Amino acid sequence: QKLEEITLPFVGTSAVSDPSYNDQSSTEKATD
């Protein structure tokens, strides 16, 4: 209820990241 600021090492559940459909760095679904 009171959270104002959060610091995270990545966005989402893990550090797996695909910035573009044409630059996929993983075998997982890029838009999960």
PDB file of all heavy atoms in Angstrom:
ATOM      1  N   GLN A   1       0.787  -1.225   0.000  1.00  0.00           N
ATOM      2  CA  GLN A   1       0.000   0.000   0.000  1.00  0.00           C
ATOM      3  C   GLN A   1       0.824   1.283   0.000  1.00  0.00           C
ATOM      4  O   GLN A   1       0.426   2.287  -0.596  1.00  0.00           O
ATOM      5  CB  GLN A   1      -0.940   0.011   1.206  1.00  0.00           C
ATOM      6  CG  GLN A   1      -1.986  -1.078   1.177  1.00  0.00           C
ATOM      7  CD  GLN A   1      -2.929  -0.992   2.360  1.00  0.00           C
ATOM      8  OE1 GLN A   1      -3.008   0.026   3.037  1.00  0.00           O
ATOM      9  NE2 GLN A   1      -3.651  -2.071   2.624  1.00  0.00           N
ATOM     10  N   LYS A   2       1.987   1.274   0.654  1.00  0.00           N
ATOM     11  CA  LYS A   2       2.736   2.524   0.829  1.00  0.00           C
ATOM     12  C   LYS A   2       3.997   2.621  -0.019  1.00  0.00           C
ATOM     13  O   LYS A   2       4.756   3.580   0.114  1.00  0.00           O
ATOM     14  CB  LYS A   2       3.087   2.706   2.310  1.00  0.00           C
ATOM     15  CG  LYS A   2       1.859   2.912   3.189  1.00  0.00           C
ATOM     16  CD  LYS A   2       2.243   3.288   4.602  1.00  0.00           C
ATOM     17  CE  LYS A   2       1.003   3.568   5.446  1.00  0.00           C
ATOM     18  NZ  LYS A   2       1.365   3.954   6.840  1.00  0.00           N
ATOM     19  N   LEU A   3       4.232   1.669  -0.879  1.00  0.00           N
ATOM     20  CA  LEU A   3       5.470   1.655  -1.652  1.00  0.00           C
ATOM     21  C   LEU A   3       5.569   2.881  -2.566  1.00  0.00           C
ATOM     22  O   LEU A   3       4.677   3.149  -3.360  1.00  0.00           O
ATOM     23  CB  LEU A   3       5.542   0.382  -2.495  1.00  0.00           C
ATOM     24  CG  LEU A   3       6.878   0.105  -3.189  1.00  0.00           C
ATOM     25  CD1 LEU A   3       7.981  -0.153  -2.158  1.00  0.00           C
ATOM     26  CD2 LEU A   3       6.759  -1.087  -4.132  1.00  0.00           C
ATOM     27  N   GLU A   4       6.681   3.613  -2.442  1.00  0.00           N
ATOM     28  CA  GLU A   4       6.919   4.808  -3.243  1.00  0.00           C
ATOM     29  C   GLU A   4       8.076   4.634  -4.225  1.00  0.00           C
ATOM     30  O   GLU A   4       8.094   5.266  -5.292  1.00  0.00           O
ATOM     31  CB  GLU A   4       7.236   5.999  -2.319  1.00  0.00           C
ATOM     32  CG  GLU A   4       6.110   6.362  -1.367  1.00  0.00           C
ATOM     33  CD  GLU A   4       6.510   7.451  -0.395  1.00  0.00           C
ATOM     34  OE1 GLU A   4       7.675   7.921  -0.468  1.00  0.00           O
ATOM     35  OE2 GLU A   4       5.660   7.844   0.429  1.00  0.00           O
ATOM     36  N   GLU A   5       9.029   3.775  -3.866  1.00  0.00           N
ATOM     37  CA  GLU A   5      10.226   3.614  -4.700  1.00  0.00           C
ATOM     38  C   GLU A   5      10.701   2.171  -4.628  1.00  0.00           C
ATOM     39  O   GLU A   5      10.673   1.555  -3.564  1.00  0.00           O
ATOM     40  CB  GLU A   5      11.337   4.558  -4.227  1.00  0.00           C
ATOM     41  CG  GLU A   5      12.616   4.476  -5.024  1.00  0.00           C
ATOM     42  CD  GLU A   5      13.634   5.529  -4.615  1.00  0.00           C
ATOM     43  OE1 GLU A   5      13.315   6.351  -3.715  1.00  0.00           O
ATOM     44  OE2 GLU A   5      14.737   5.548  -5.183  1.00  0.00           O
ATOM     45  N   ILE A   6      11.127   1.644  -5.770  1.00  0.00           N
ATOM     46  CA  ILE A   6      11.643   0.281  -5.786  1.00  0.00           C
ATOM     47  C   ILE A   6      12.883   0.226  -6.661  1.00  0.00           C
ATOM     48  O   ILE A   6      12.962   0.883  -7.706  1.00  0.00           O
ATOM     49  CB  ILE A   6      10.573  -0.724  -6.289  1.00  0.00           C
ATOM     50  CG1 ILE A   6      11.041  -2.164  -6.055  1.00  0.00           C
ATOM     51  CG2 ILE A   6      10.203  -0.475  -7.744  1.00  0.00           C
ATOM     52  CD1 ILE A   6       9.934  -3.192  -6.207  1.00  0.00           C
ATOM     53  N   THR A   7      13.873  -0.537  -6.205  1.00  0.00           N
ATOM     54  CA  THR A   7      15.117  -0.743  -6.944  1.00  0.00           C
ATOM     55  C   THR A   7      15.190  -2.209  -7.338  1.00  0.00           C
ATOM     56  O   THR A   7      15.078  -3.094  -6.490  1.00  0.00           O
ATOM     57  CB  THR A   7      16.336  -0.370  -6.084  1.00  0.00           C
ATOM     58  OG1 THR A   7      16.256   1.017  -5.737  1.00  0.00           O
ATOM     59  CG2 THR A   7      17.635  -0.612  -6.854  1.00  0.00           C
ATOM     60  N   LEU A   8      15.368  -2.456  -8.635  1.00  0.00           N
ATOM     61  CA  LEU A   8      15.371  -3.815  -9.165  1.00  0.00           C
ATOM     62  C   LEU A   8      16.606  -4.036 -10.030  1.00  0.00           C
ATOM     63  O   LEU A   8      17.097  -3.090 -10.666  1.00  0.00           O
ATOM     64  CB  LEU A   8      14.120  -4.057 -10.007  1.00  0.00           C
ATOM     65  CG  LEU A   8      12.769  -3.931  -9.299  1.00  0.00           C
ATOM     66  CD1 LEU A   8      11.646  -3.853 -10.321  1.00  0.00           C
ATOM     67  CD2 LEU A   8      12.555  -5.102  -8.359  1.00  0.00           C
ATOM     68  N   PRO A   9      17.100  -5.286 -10.112  1.00  0.00           N
ATOM     69  CA  PRO A   9      18.245  -5.561 -10.982  1.00  0.00           C
ATOM     70  C   PRO A   9      17.842  -5.812 -12.432  1.00  0.00           C
ATOM     71  O   PRO A   9      18.694  -5.908 -13.314  1.00  0.00           O
ATOM     72  CB  PRO A   9      18.857  -6.824 -10.355  1.00  0.00           C
ATOM     73  CG  PRO A   9      17.705  -7.514  -9.713  1.00  0.00           C
ATOM     74  CD  PRO A   9      16.757  -6.436  -9.263  1.00  0.00           C
ATOM     75  N   PHE A  10      16.538  -5.929 -12.671  1.00  0.00           N
ATOM     76  CA  PHE A  10      16.034  -6.173 -14.026  1.00  0.00           C
ATOM     77  C   PHE A  10      14.535  -5.905 -14.020  1.00  0.00           C
ATOM     78  O   PHE A  10      13.924  -5.691 -12.974  1.00  0.00           O
ATOM     79  CB  PHE A  10      16.307  -7.612 -14.469  1.00  0.00           C
ATOM     80  CG  PHE A  10      16.031  -8.646 -13.419  1.00  0.00           C
ATOM     81  CD1 PHE A  10      14.731  -9.028 -13.109  1.00  0.00           C
ATOM     82  CD2 PHE A  10      17.076  -9.238 -12.707  1.00  0.00           C
ATOM     83  CE1 PHE A  10      14.472  -9.967 -12.125  1.00  0.00           C
ATOM     84  CE2 PHE A  10      16.825 -10.187 -11.714  1.00  0.00           C
ATOM     85  CZ  PHE A  10      15.515 -10.550 -11.428  1.00  0.00           C
ATOM     86  N   VAL A  11      13.931  -5.930 -15.207  1.00  0.00           N
ATOM     87  CA  VAL A  11      12.487  -5.766 -15.324  1.00  0.00           C
ATOM     88  C   VAL A  11      11.849  -7.139 -15.499  1.00  0.00           C
ATOM     89  O   VAL A  11      12.301  -7.940 -16.312  1.00  0.00           O
ATOM     90  CB  VAL A  11      12.131  -4.871 -16.522  1.00  0.00           C
ATOM     91  CG1 VAL A  11      10.616  -4.761 -16.685  1.00  0.00           C
ATOM     92  CG2 VAL A  11      12.742  -3.491 -16.357  1.00  0.00           C
ATOM     93  N   GLY A  12      10.798  -7.426 -14.715  1.00  0.00           N
ATOM     94  CA  GLY A  12      10.119  -8.702 -14.842  1.00  0.00           C
ATOM     95  C   GLY A  12      10.665  -9.758 -13.905  1.00  0.00           C
ATOM     96  O   GLY A  12      11.205  -9.457 -12.841  1.00  0.00           O
ATOM     97  N   THR A  13      10.568 -11.012 -14.324  1.00  0.00           N
ATOM     98  CA  THR A  13      10.923 -12.129 -13.447  1.00  0.00           C
ATOM     99  C   THR A  13      12.404 -12.469 -13.443  1.00  0.00           C
ATOM    100  O   THR A  13      12.900 -13.072 -12.504  1.00  0.00           O
ATOM    101  CB  THR A  13      10.112 -13.383 -13.829  1.00  0.00           C
ATOM    102  OG1 THR A  13      10.270 -14.366 -12.817  1.00  0.00           O
ATOM    103  CG2 THR A  13      10.536 -13.945 -15.173  1.00  0.00           C
ATOM    104  N   SER A  14      13.133 -12.085 -14.519  1.00  0.00           N
ATOM    105  CA  SER A  14      14.564 -12.405 -14.594  1.00  0.00           C
ATOM    106  C   SER A  14      15.267 -11.416 -15.515  1.00  0.00           C
ATOM    107  O   SER A  14      14.630 -10.544 -16.119  1.00  0.00           O
ATOM    108  CB  SER A  14      14.769 -13.830 -15.126  1.00  0.00           C
ATOM    109  OG  SER A  14      14.436 -13.899 -16.501  1.00  0.00           O
ATOM    110  N   ALA A  15      16.566 -11.590 -15.655  1.00  0.00           N
ATOM    111  CA  ALA A  15      17.370 -10.664 -16.460  1.00  0.00           C
ATOM    112  C   ALA A  15      17.355 -10.996 -17.950  1.00  0.00           C
ATOM    113  O   ALA A  15      18.017 -10.333 -18.736  1.00  0.00           O
ATOM    114  CB  ALA A  15      18.811 -10.649 -15.948  1.00  0.00           C
ATOM    115  N   VAL A  16      16.601 -12.021 -18.356  1.00  0.00           N
ATOM    116  CA  VAL A  16      16.483 -12.345 -19.781  1.00  0.00           C
ATOM    117  C   VAL A  16      15.783 -11.182 -20.474  1.00  0.00           C
ATOM    118  O   VAL A  16      14.720 -10.750 -20.058  1.00  0.00           O
ATOM    119  CB  VAL A  16      15.689 -13.645 -19.992  1.00  0.00           C
ATOM    120  CG1 VAL A  16      15.474 -13.914 -21.474  1.00  0.00           C
ATOM    121  CG2 VAL A  16      16.409 -14.811 -19.347  1.00  0.00           C
ATOM    122  N   SER A  17      16.394 -10.653 -21.539  1.00  0.00           N
ATOM    123  CA  SER A  17      15.860  -9.446 -22.155  1.00  0.00           C
ATOM    124  C   SER A  17      16.049  -9.457 -23.656  1.00  0.00           C
ATOM    125  O   SER A  17      17.158  -9.655 -24.156  1.00  0.00           O
ATOM    126  CB  SER A  17      16.558  -8.217 -21.564  1.00  0.00           C
ATOM    127  OG  SER A  17      16.254  -7.058 -22.297  1.00  0.00           O
ATOM    128  N   ASP A  18      14.973  -9.233 -24.389  1.00  0.00           N
ATOM    129  CA  ASP A  18      15.036  -9.040 -25.828  1.00  0.00           C
ATOM    130  C   ASP A  18      14.550  -7.628 -26.125  1.00  0.00           C
ATOM    131  O   ASP A  18      13.365  -7.338 -25.988  1.00  0.00           O
ATOM    132  CB  ASP A  18      14.141 -10.044 -26.564  1.00  0.00           C
ATOM    133  CG  ASP A  18      14.685 -11.459 -26.501  1.00  0.00           C
ATOM    134  OD1 ASP A  18      15.906 -11.609 -26.385  1.00  0.00           O
ATOM    135  OD2 ASP A  18      13.882 -12.402 -26.557  1.00  0.00           O
ATOM    136  N   PRO A  19      15.439  -6.721 -26.547  1.00  0.00           N
ATOM    137  CA  PRO A  19      15.015  -5.348 -26.790  1.00  0.00           C
ATOM    138  C   PRO A  19      14.250  -5.169 -28.096  1.00  0.00           C
ATOM    139  O   PRO A  19      13.552  -4.180 -28.280  1.00  0.00           O
ATOM    140  CB  PRO A  19      16.330  -4.573 -26.826  1.00  0.00           C
ATOM    141  CG  PRO A  19      17.335  -5.575 -27.278  1.00  0.00           C
ATOM    142  CD  PRO A  19      16.895  -6.881 -26.693  1.00  0.00           C
ATOM    143  N   SER A  20      14.388  -6.129 -29.027  1.00  0.00           N
ATOM    144  CA  SER A  20      13.753  -5.996 -30.332  1.00  0.00           C
ATOM    145  C   SER A  20      13.407  -7.360 -30.895  1.00  0.00           C
ATOM    146  O   SER A  20      14.057  -8.363 -30.592  1.00  0.00           O
ATOM    147  CB  SER A  20      14.686  -5.260 -31.306  1.00  0.00           C
ATOM    148  OG  SER A  20      14.231  -5.346 -32.634  1.00  0.00           O
ATOM    149  N   TYR A  21      12.408  -7.392 -31.743  1.00  0.00           N
ATOM    150  CA  TYR A  21      12.036  -8.642 -32.399  1.00  0.00           C
ATOM    151  C   TYR A  21      13.168  -9.157 -33.279  1.00  0.00           C
ATOM    152  O   TYR A  21      13.300 -10.352 -33.514  1.00  0.00           O
ATOM    153  CB  TYR A  21      10.792  -8.430 -33.268  1.00  0.00           C
ATOM    154  CG  TYR A  21       9.594  -7.990 -32.477  1.00  0.00           C
ATOM    155  CD1 TYR A  21       9.154  -6.672 -32.524  1.00  0.00           C
ATOM    156  CD2 TYR A  21       8.913  -8.881 -31.657  1.00  0.00           C
ATOM    157  CE1 TYR A  21       8.058  -6.265 -31.787  1.00  0.00           C
ATOM    158  CE2 TYR A  21       7.822  -8.472 -30.915  1.00  0.00           C
ATOM    159  CZ  TYR A  21       7.402  -7.157 -30.994  1.00  0.00           C
ATOM    160  OH  TYR A  21       6.317  -6.751 -30.252  1.00  0.00           O
ATOM    161  N   ASN A  22      13.995  -8.251 -33.770  1.00  0.00           N
ATOM    162  CA  ASN A  22      15.094  -8.626 -34.666  1.00  0.00           C
ATOM    163  C   ASN A  22      16.414  -8.801 -33.937  1.00  0.00           C
ATOM    164  O   ASN A  22      17.452  -8.980 -34.558  1.00  0.00           O
ATOM    165  CB  ASN A  22      15.247  -7.561 -35.761  1.00  0.00           C
ATOM    166  CG  ASN A  22      13.998  -7.429 -36.596  1.00  0.00           C
ATOM    167  OD1 ASN A  22      13.406  -8.429 -36.981  1.00  0.00           O
ATOM    168  ND2 ASN A  22      13.586  -6.203 -36.847  1.00  0.00           N
ATOM    169  N   ASP A  23      16.372  -8.705 -32.617  1.00  0.00           N
ATOM    170  CA  ASP A  23      17.603  -8.789 -31.843  1.00  0.00           C
ATOM    171  C   ASP A  23      17.365  -9.666 -30.616  1.00  0.00           C
ATOM    172  O   ASP A  23      17.626  -9.279 -29.498  1.00  0.00           O
ATOM    173  CB  ASP A  23      18.034  -7.378 -31.429  1.00  0.00           C
ATOM    174  CG  ASP A  23      19.413  -7.365 -30.785  1.00  0.00           C
ATOM    175  OD1 ASP A  23      20.191  -8.304 -31.041  1.00  0.00           O
ATOM    176  OD2 ASP A  23      19.698  -6.422 -30.032  1.00  0.00           O
ATOM    177  N   GLN A  24      16.822 -10.851 -30.844  1.00  0.00           N
ATOM    178  CA  GLN A  24      16.459 -11.711 -29.730  1.00  0.00           C
ATOM    179  C   GLN A  24      17.685 -12.401 -29.144  1.00  0.00           C
ATOM    180  O   GLN A  24      18.445 -13.047 -29.846  1.00  0.00           O
ATOM    181  CB  GLN A  24      15.428 -12.748 -30.180  1.00  0.00           C
ATOM    182  CG  GLN A  24      14.108 -12.110 -30.585  1.00  0.00           C
ATOM    183  CD  GLN A  24      13.049 -13.128 -30.920  1.00  0.00           C
ATOM    184  OE1 GLN A  24      13.161 -14.279 -30.536  1.00  0.00           O
ATOM    185  NE2 GLN A  24      12.020 -12.707 -31.641  1.00  0.00           N
ATOM    186  N   SER A  25      17.845 -12.256 -27.842  1.00  0.00           N
ATOM    187  CA  SER A  25      19.020 -12.806 -27.165  1.00  0.00           C
ATOM    188  C   SER A  25      18.732 -14.144 -26.508  1.00  0.00           C
ATOM    189  O   SER A  25      19.613 -14.741 -25.912  1.00  0.00           O
ATOM    190  CB  SER A  25      19.504 -11.816 -26.103  1.00  0.00           C
ATOM    191  OG  SER A  25      18.493 -11.605 -25.132  1.00  0.00           O
ATOM    192  N   SER A  26      17.498 -14.624 -26.614  1.00  0.00           N
ATOM    193  CA  SER A  26      17.158 -15.859 -25.936  1.00  0.00           C
ATOM    194  C   SER A  26      16.284 -16.733 -26.812  1.00  0.00           C
ATOM    195  O   SER A  26      15.802 -16.325 -27.856  1.00  0.00           O
ATOM    196  CB  SER A  26      16.409 -15.559 -24.636  1.00  0.00           C
ATOM    197  OG  SER A  26      15.087 -15.152 -24.933  1.00  0.00           O
ATOM    198  N   THR A  27      16.080 -17.954 -26.375  1.00  0.00           N
ATOM    199  CA  THR A  27      15.210 -18.867 -27.099  1.00  0.00           C
ATOM    200  C   THR A  27      13.786 -18.798 -26.567  1.00  0.00           C
ATOM    201  O   THR A  27      12.889 -19.429 -27.107  1.00  0.00           O
ATOM    202  CB  THR A  27      15.713 -20.323 -26.958  1.00  0.00           C
ATOM    203  OG1 THR A  27      15.784 -20.651 -25.566  1.00  0.00           O
ATOM    204  CG2 THR A  27      17.082 -20.478 -27.582  1.00  0.00           C
ATOM    205  N   GLU A  28      13.574 -18.001 -25.515  1.00  0.00           N
ATOM    206  CA  GLU A  28      12.241 -17.844 -24.958  1.00  0.00           C
ATOM    207  C   GLU A  28      11.434 -16.860 -25.797  1.00  0.00           C
ATOM    208  O   GLU A  28      11.975 -16.132 -26.614  1.00  0.00           O
ATOM    209  CB  GLU A  28      12.336 -17.322 -23.516  1.00  0.00           C
ATOM    210  CG  GLU A  28      13.067 -18.262 -22.580  1.00  0.00           C
ATOM    211  CD  GLU A  28      13.157 -17.676 -21.185  1.00  0.00           C
ATOM    212  OE1 GLU A  28      12.213 -16.984 -20.774  1.00  0.00           O
ATOM    213  OE2 GLU A  28      14.164 -17.919 -20.517  1.00  0.00           O
ATOM    214  N   LYS A  29      10.135 -16.857 -25.578  1.00  0.00           N
ATOM    215  CA  LYS A  29       9.283 -15.937 -26.313  1.00  0.00           C
ATOM    216  C   LYS A  29       9.644 -14.497 -25.965  1.00  0.00           C
ATOM    217  O   LYS A  29       9.632 -14.088 -24.812  1.00  0.00           O
ATOM    218  CB  LYS A  29       7.809 -16.194 -25.956  1.00  0.00           C
ATOM    219  CG  LYS A  29       6.834 -15.403 -26.806  1.00  0.00           C
ATOM    220  CD  LYS A  29       5.405 -15.771 -26.427  1.00  0.00           C
ATOM    221  CE  LYS A  29       4.418 -14.974 -27.268  1.00  0.00           C
ATOM    222  NZ  LYS A  29       3.025 -15.270 -26.890  1.00  0.00           N
ATOM    223  N   ALA A  30       9.975 -13.738 -26.972  1.00  0.00           N
ATOM    224  CA  ALA A  30      10.523 -12.404 -26.750  1.00  0.00           C
ATOM    225  C   ALA A  30       9.533 -11.453 -26.082  1.00  0.00           C
ATOM    226  O   ALA A  30       9.939 -10.487 -25.455  1.00  0.00           O
ATOM    227  CB  ALA A  30      10.982 -11.810 -28.078  1.00  0.00           C
ATOM    228  N   THR A  31       8.252 -11.707 -26.232  1.00  0.00           N
ATOM    229  CA  THR A  31       7.262 -10.760 -25.735  1.00  0.00           C
ATOM    230  C   THR A  31       6.493 -11.282 -24.535  1.00  0.00           C
ATOM    231  O   THR A  31       5.381 -10.871 -24.261  1.00  0.00           O
ATOM    232  CB  THR A  31       6.284 -10.399 -26.863  1.00  0.00           C
ATOM    233  OG1 THR A  31       5.768 -11.610 -27.414  1.00  0.00           O
ATOM    234  CG2 THR A  31       6.976  -9.619 -27.942  1.00  0.00           C
ATOM    235  N   ASP A  32       7.056 -12.204 -23.836  1.00  0.00           N
ATOM    236  CA  ASP A  32       6.429 -12.803 -22.664  1.00  0.00           C
ATOM    237  C   ASP A  32       6.084 -11.735 -21.625  1.00  0.00           C
ATOM    238  O   ASP A  32       6.900 -10.873 -21.301  1.00  0.00           O
ATOM    239  CB  ASP A  32       7.406 -13.812 -22.054  1.00  0.00           C
ATOM    240  CG  ASP A  32       6.734 -14.740 -21.057  1.00  0.00           C
ATOM    241  OD1 ASP A  32       5.698 -14.346 -20.498  1.00  0.00           O
ATOM    242  OD2 ASP A  32       7.260 -15.838 -20.857  1.00  0.00           O
TER     243      ASP A  32
END
